[in-house]
Amino acid sequence: MAIDDRPFDALERHFELEDSSRSPAVSYFWDWASRVIPFWPFDKAAALLKDRFAADGQARIKIMLETVKSEVRKHEEAIAALQKSTSTEALETRELLTKDLLPEAARRAFITRDEKRVVRIGLILANAVIEPQPDSADEIEEMMRIAMDLNDNDARYLRELDRIEGTQVRANGRISRPNAFSVWPNGFWGQRVLSELDSTFSKLEGFGLVSRLAPPNNLNATADIQNRYALLLKGTRFIDLIRQL
């Protein structure tokens, strides 16, 4: 299969022909806005905003698709080998997975303002569908949802935790509490007590990517110590999906 015949290119052509701003949710918003503020000077401003919203959304979808195509092209030889060694049934299953995920990725790219987050959505889609053993659509959709909410700084902290703990988590499915506690200061944060660190890792913990470590039992209750975290397998999975070659 030639690279230009892949579903990514078909979806791109589809969005070139179809006004993606007419999704049900977006249509409802604009219909509501036109009724609530139909008077000057908001009437013209709302019309301009609608055009810009559609154009910006289309641009973000294009960024996502370009990211996918760029990553897939890096794996053309591996994909060709996979196609030859995979059963017809497995190939059809992968095609169905791709068809399910492409519209979802496009929808999320359309409503995501930050272009870097859009790129990460594209990376998740690309890496997910070319894996030898792809995960379920539900798992990949969850990773896309997380990518929409994590900013560059969140990703930076998670990558650093993956650097110091990821090998053990991938090998064993987890990192022991003593090991996680001992390697924690090897991160760029050292042993400083940072409010940014707490807020960032609390956010990552909310997505199930990391887990906060209980402090040592021999600490005084009034001690001001830095909270430490263990990387979870879900966190390594997210890092693997947003990784670029």
Protein backbone atom coordinates (compact mmCIF):
# COMPACT_ATOMS: atom_id res chain seq x y z
CA MET A 1 0.00 0.00 0.00
CA ALA A 2 1.46 3.35 -1.02
CA ILE A 3 1.78 5.90 1.73
CA ASP A 4 -0.59 8.30 -0.05
CA ASP A 5 -3.29 5.62 -0.06
CA ARG A 6 -3.35 5.41 3.72
CA PRO A 7 -6.51 6.52 5.58
CA PHE A 8 -4.70 9.60 6.95
CA ASP A 9 -4.60 11.11 3.46
CA ALA A 10 -8.20 10.10 2.78
CA LEU A 11 -9.32 11.86 5.95
CA GLU A 12 -7.33 14.96 5.00
CA ARG A 13 -9.10 15.08 1.62
CA HIS A 14 -12.40 14.58 3.43
CA PHE A 15 -11.83 17.61 5.65
CA GLU A 16 -10.79 19.68 2.64
CA LEU A 17 -14.21 18.99 1.12
CA GLU A 18 -16.37 19.12 4.23
CA ASP A 19 -16.80 22.07 6.58
CA SER A 20 -15.76 20.53 9.89
CA SER A 21 -17.20 23.49 11.75
CA ARG A 22 -20.62 21.93 11.16
CA SER A 23 -20.26 19.24 13.79
CA PRO A 24 -23.42 19.02 15.95
CA ALA A 25 -21.85 20.64 19.01
CA VAL A 26 -20.29 23.49 17.04
CA SER A 27 -23.47 24.03 15.02
CA TYR A 28 -25.48 24.28 18.23
CA PHE A 29 -23.08 26.89 19.60
CA TRP A 30 -23.29 29.11 16.55
CA ASP A 31 -27.07 28.79 16.28
CA TRP A 32 -27.33 29.76 19.94
CA ALA A 33 -24.89 32.66 19.54
CA SER A 34 -26.76 34.04 16.54
CA ARG A 35 -29.97 34.14 18.57
CA VAL A 36 -28.45 35.58 21.76
CA ILE A 37 -26.36 38.37 20.20
CA PRO A 38 -28.00 39.22 16.85
CA PHE A 39 -27.65 42.95 17.41
CA TRP A 40 -24.96 45.46 16.44
CA PRO A 41 -21.99 45.44 16.92
CA PHE A 42 -21.95 41.80 18.01
CA ASP A 43 -23.68 40.44 14.90
CA LYS A 44 -20.74 41.15 12.59
CA ALA A 45 -18.18 40.25 15.25
CA ALA A 46 -19.88 36.88 15.79
CA ALA A 47 -19.83 36.18 12.06
CA LEU A 48 -16.12 36.94 11.87
CA LEU A 49 -15.48 34.81 14.95
CA LYS A 50 -17.31 31.90 13.37
CA ASP A 51 -15.17 32.10 10.24
CA ARG A 52 -11.98 32.33 12.28
CA PHE A 53 -13.06 29.46 14.53
CA ALA A 54 -13.64 27.22 11.52
CA ALA A 55 -10.35 28.24 9.89
CA ASP A 56 -8.35 27.71 13.10
CA GLY A 57 -9.98 24.33 13.64
CA GLN A 58 -9.19 23.24 10.11
CA ALA A 59 -5.58 24.36 10.57
CA ARG A 60 -5.21 22.31 13.75
CA ILE A 61 -6.65 19.23 12.05
CA LYS A 62 -4.10 19.71 9.29
CA ILE A 63 -1.27 19.93 11.87
CA MET A 64 -2.47 16.69 13.43
CA LEU A 65 -2.64 14.91 10.07
CA GLU A 66 0.79 16.17 9.01
CA THR A 67 2.20 14.86 12.28
CA VAL A 68 0.64 11.46 11.66
CA LYS A 69 1.93 11.25 8.10
CA SER A 70 5.41 12.36 9.12
CA GLU A 71 5.63 9.67 11.82
CA VAL A 72 4.16 6.94 9.63
CA ARG A 73 6.66 7.66 6.87
CA LYS A 74 9.47 6.99 9.33
CA HIS A 75 8.12 3.47 9.77
CA GLU A 76 7.32 2.52 6.16
CA GLU A 77 9.66 -0.48 6.08
CA ALA A 78 8.32 -1.81 9.39
CA ILE A 79 4.72 -1.29 8.20
CA ALA A 80 5.43 -3.15 4.95
CA ALA A 81 6.90 -6.05 6.92
CA LEU A 82 3.93 -6.00 9.29
CA GLN A 83 1.47 -6.19 6.39
CA LYS A 84 3.25 -9.23 4.95
CA SER A 85 3.45 -11.09 8.26
CA THR A 86 -0.04 -10.31 9.56
CA SER A 87 -3.18 -12.30 8.84
CA THR A 88 -5.98 -10.81 6.78
CA GLU A 89 -8.24 -10.83 9.83
CA ALA A 90 -5.68 -8.94 11.93
CA LEU A 91 -5.15 -6.41 9.14
CA GLU A 92 -8.89 -5.78 8.95
CA THR A 93 -9.03 -5.33 12.72
CA ARG A 94 -6.26 -2.74 12.53
CA GLU A 95 -8.03 -0.93 9.71
CA LEU A 96 -11.23 -0.76 11.77
CA LEU A 97 -9.25 0.58 14.73
CA THR A 98 -7.75 3.28 12.51
CA LYS A 99 -11.14 4.24 11.12
CA ASP A 100 -12.48 4.59 14.66
CA LEU A 101 -9.55 6.66 15.89
CA LEU A 102 -9.07 9.04 12.95
CA PRO A 103 -12.34 10.97 13.38
CA GLU A 104 -11.81 11.07 17.15
CA ALA A 105 -8.31 12.49 16.73
CA ALA A 106 -9.61 15.06 14.25
CA ARG A 107 -12.39 16.11 16.62
CA ARG A 108 -9.97 16.54 19.50
CA ALA A 109 -7.49 18.47 17.33
CA PHE A 110 -10.29 20.76 16.20
CA ILE A 111 -11.18 21.81 19.75
CA THR A 112 -7.62 21.92 21.16
CA ARG A 113 -6.16 25.42 21.13
CA ASP A 114 -2.48 24.62 21.82
CA GLU A 115 -0.76 23.39 18.65
CA LYS A 116 1.84 21.41 20.62
CA ARG A 117 -0.96 19.43 22.25
CA VAL A 118 -2.39 18.86 18.77
CA VAL A 119 0.99 17.46 17.70
CA ARG A 120 0.93 15.08 20.66
CA ILE A 121 -2.54 13.89 19.64
CA GLY A 122 -1.13 13.15 16.19
CA LEU A 123 1.83 11.29 17.67
CA ILE A 124 -0.46 9.15 19.82
CA LEU A 125 -2.57 8.23 16.81
CA ALA A 126 0.44 7.45 14.61
CA ASN A 127 2.31 5.38 17.17
CA ALA A 128 -0.84 3.52 18.23
CA VAL A 129 -1.89 2.28 14.80
CA ILE A 130 1.56 1.12 13.64
CA GLU A 131 2.38 -0.92 16.74
CA PRO A 132 2.80 -4.69 16.25
CA GLN A 133 0.09 -5.25 18.87
CA PRO A 134 -2.18 -2.18 18.96
CA ASP A 135 -4.20 -1.43 22.07
CA SER A 136 -7.94 -0.92 22.16
CA ALA A 137 -9.55 2.20 20.78
CA ASP A 138 -10.77 3.09 24.28
CA GLU A 139 -7.21 3.16 25.64
CA ILE A 140 -5.94 5.30 22.78
CA GLU A 141 -8.87 7.69 23.08
CA GLU A 142 -8.05 8.12 26.77
CA MET A 143 -4.45 8.94 25.88
CA MET A 144 -5.67 11.54 23.40
CA ARG A 145 -7.89 13.05 26.09
CA ILE A 146 -4.91 13.29 28.44
CA ALA A 147 -2.85 14.89 25.66
CA MET A 148 -5.48 17.62 25.36
CA ASP A 149 -5.07 18.57 29.04
CA LEU A 150 -1.30 18.31 29.58
CA ASN A 151 0.77 21.36 28.72
CA ASP A 152 4.45 21.41 27.74
CA ASN A 153 5.59 21.76 31.34
CA ASP A 154 3.48 18.79 32.46
CA ALA A 155 4.99 16.69 29.66
CA ARG A 156 8.48 17.90 30.58
CA TYR A 157 8.14 16.71 34.19
CA LEU A 158 6.63 13.40 33.12
CA ARG A 159 9.44 12.77 30.62
CA GLU A 160 12.02 13.45 33.32
CA LEU A 161 10.37 11.02 35.71
CA ASP A 162 10.30 8.49 32.89
CA ARG A 163 14.02 9.06 32.33
CA ILE A 164 14.91 8.14 35.91
CA GLU A 165 12.24 5.52 36.66
CA GLY A 166 10.95 4.32 33.29
CA THR A 167 13.39 1.45 32.76
CA GLN A 168 12.36 -0.25 36.01
CA VAL A 169 8.65 0.30 35.38
CA ARG A 170 8.81 -1.17 31.87
CA ALA A 171 10.83 -4.15 33.05
CA ASN A 172 8.75 -5.01 36.12
CA GLY A 173 5.39 -3.33 35.54
CA ARG A 174 6.11 -1.03 38.50
CA ILE A 175 8.90 0.53 40.50
CA SER A 176 9.24 -0.35 44.16
CA ARG A 177 8.67 2.39 46.69
CA PRO A 178 12.27 2.28 48.04
CA ASN A 179 13.73 2.49 44.52
CA ALA A 180 11.40 5.29 43.49
CA PHE A 181 12.24 7.21 46.64
CA SER A 182 16.01 6.78 46.17
CA VAL A 183 16.20 7.77 42.47
CA TRP A 184 13.79 10.68 42.78
CA PRO A 185 16.50 13.34 43.48
CA ASN A 186 18.21 12.34 40.19
CA GLY A 187 15.61 14.38 38.37
CA PHE A 188 16.38 17.95 37.35
CA TRP A 189 14.44 19.12 40.40
CA GLY A 190 16.97 17.65 42.84
CA GLN A 191 15.78 17.86 46.45
CA ARG A 192 14.38 21.36 46.37
CA VAL A 193 10.88 21.99 47.71
CA LEU A 194 9.09 23.46 44.70
CA SER A 195 5.43 24.45 44.55
CA GLU A 196 5.44 23.93 40.78
CA LEU A 197 6.58 20.37 41.28
CA ASP A 198 3.71 19.58 43.63
CA SER A 199 1.06 21.14 41.41
CA THR A 200 2.40 19.45 38.27
CA PHE A 201 2.71 15.97 39.73
CA SER A 202 -0.65 16.26 41.47
CA LYS A 203 -2.13 16.93 38.05
CA LEU A 204 -0.29 13.95 36.55
CA GLU A 205 -1.48 11.80 39.44
CA GLY A 206 -5.06 12.81 38.66
CA PHE A 207 -4.68 11.20 35.25
CA GLY A 208 -3.26 8.02 36.75
CA LEU A 209 0.21 8.54 35.27
CA VAL A 210 2.11 8.76 38.56
CA SER A 211 1.50 7.92 42.22
CA ARG A 212 2.56 9.94 45.25
CA LEU A 213 4.93 8.17 47.63
CA ALA A 214 4.24 8.10 51.34
CA PRO A 215 6.97 9.87 53.33
CA PRO A 216 9.41 7.81 55.46
CA ASN A 217 8.05 6.75 58.85
CA ASN A 218 11.00 8.26 60.71
CA LEU A 219 10.27 11.84 59.63
CA ASN A 220 9.12 14.42 62.13
CA ALA A 221 5.55 15.51 61.47
CA THR A 222 6.70 19.15 61.17
CA ALA A 223 9.42 18.41 58.62
CA ASP A 224 9.11 20.39 55.39
CA ILE A 225 10.03 17.84 52.74
CA GLN A 226 9.55 17.54 49.02
CA ASN A 227 6.81 15.17 47.90
CA ARG A 228 8.08 12.32 45.74
CA TYR A 229 6.29 10.30 43.10
CA ALA A 230 6.50 6.92 41.42
CA LEU A 231 5.94 6.54 37.70
CA LEU A 232 3.10 4.18 36.80
CA LEU A 233 2.88 1.87 33.80
CA LYS A 234 0.20 4.12 32.33
CA GLY A 235 2.68 6.98 32.50
CA THR A 236 5.29 5.03 30.53
CA ARG A 237 2.61 4.17 27.99
CA PHE A 238 1.76 7.83 27.49
CA ILE A 239 5.44 8.71 27.06
CA ASP A 240 5.90 5.93 24.51
CA LEU A 241 2.92 7.18 22.50
CA ILE A 242 4.09 10.81 22.32
CA ARG A 243 7.70 9.88 21.48
CA GLN A 244 9.12 11.03 18.15
CA LEU A 245 11.86 9.21 16.28
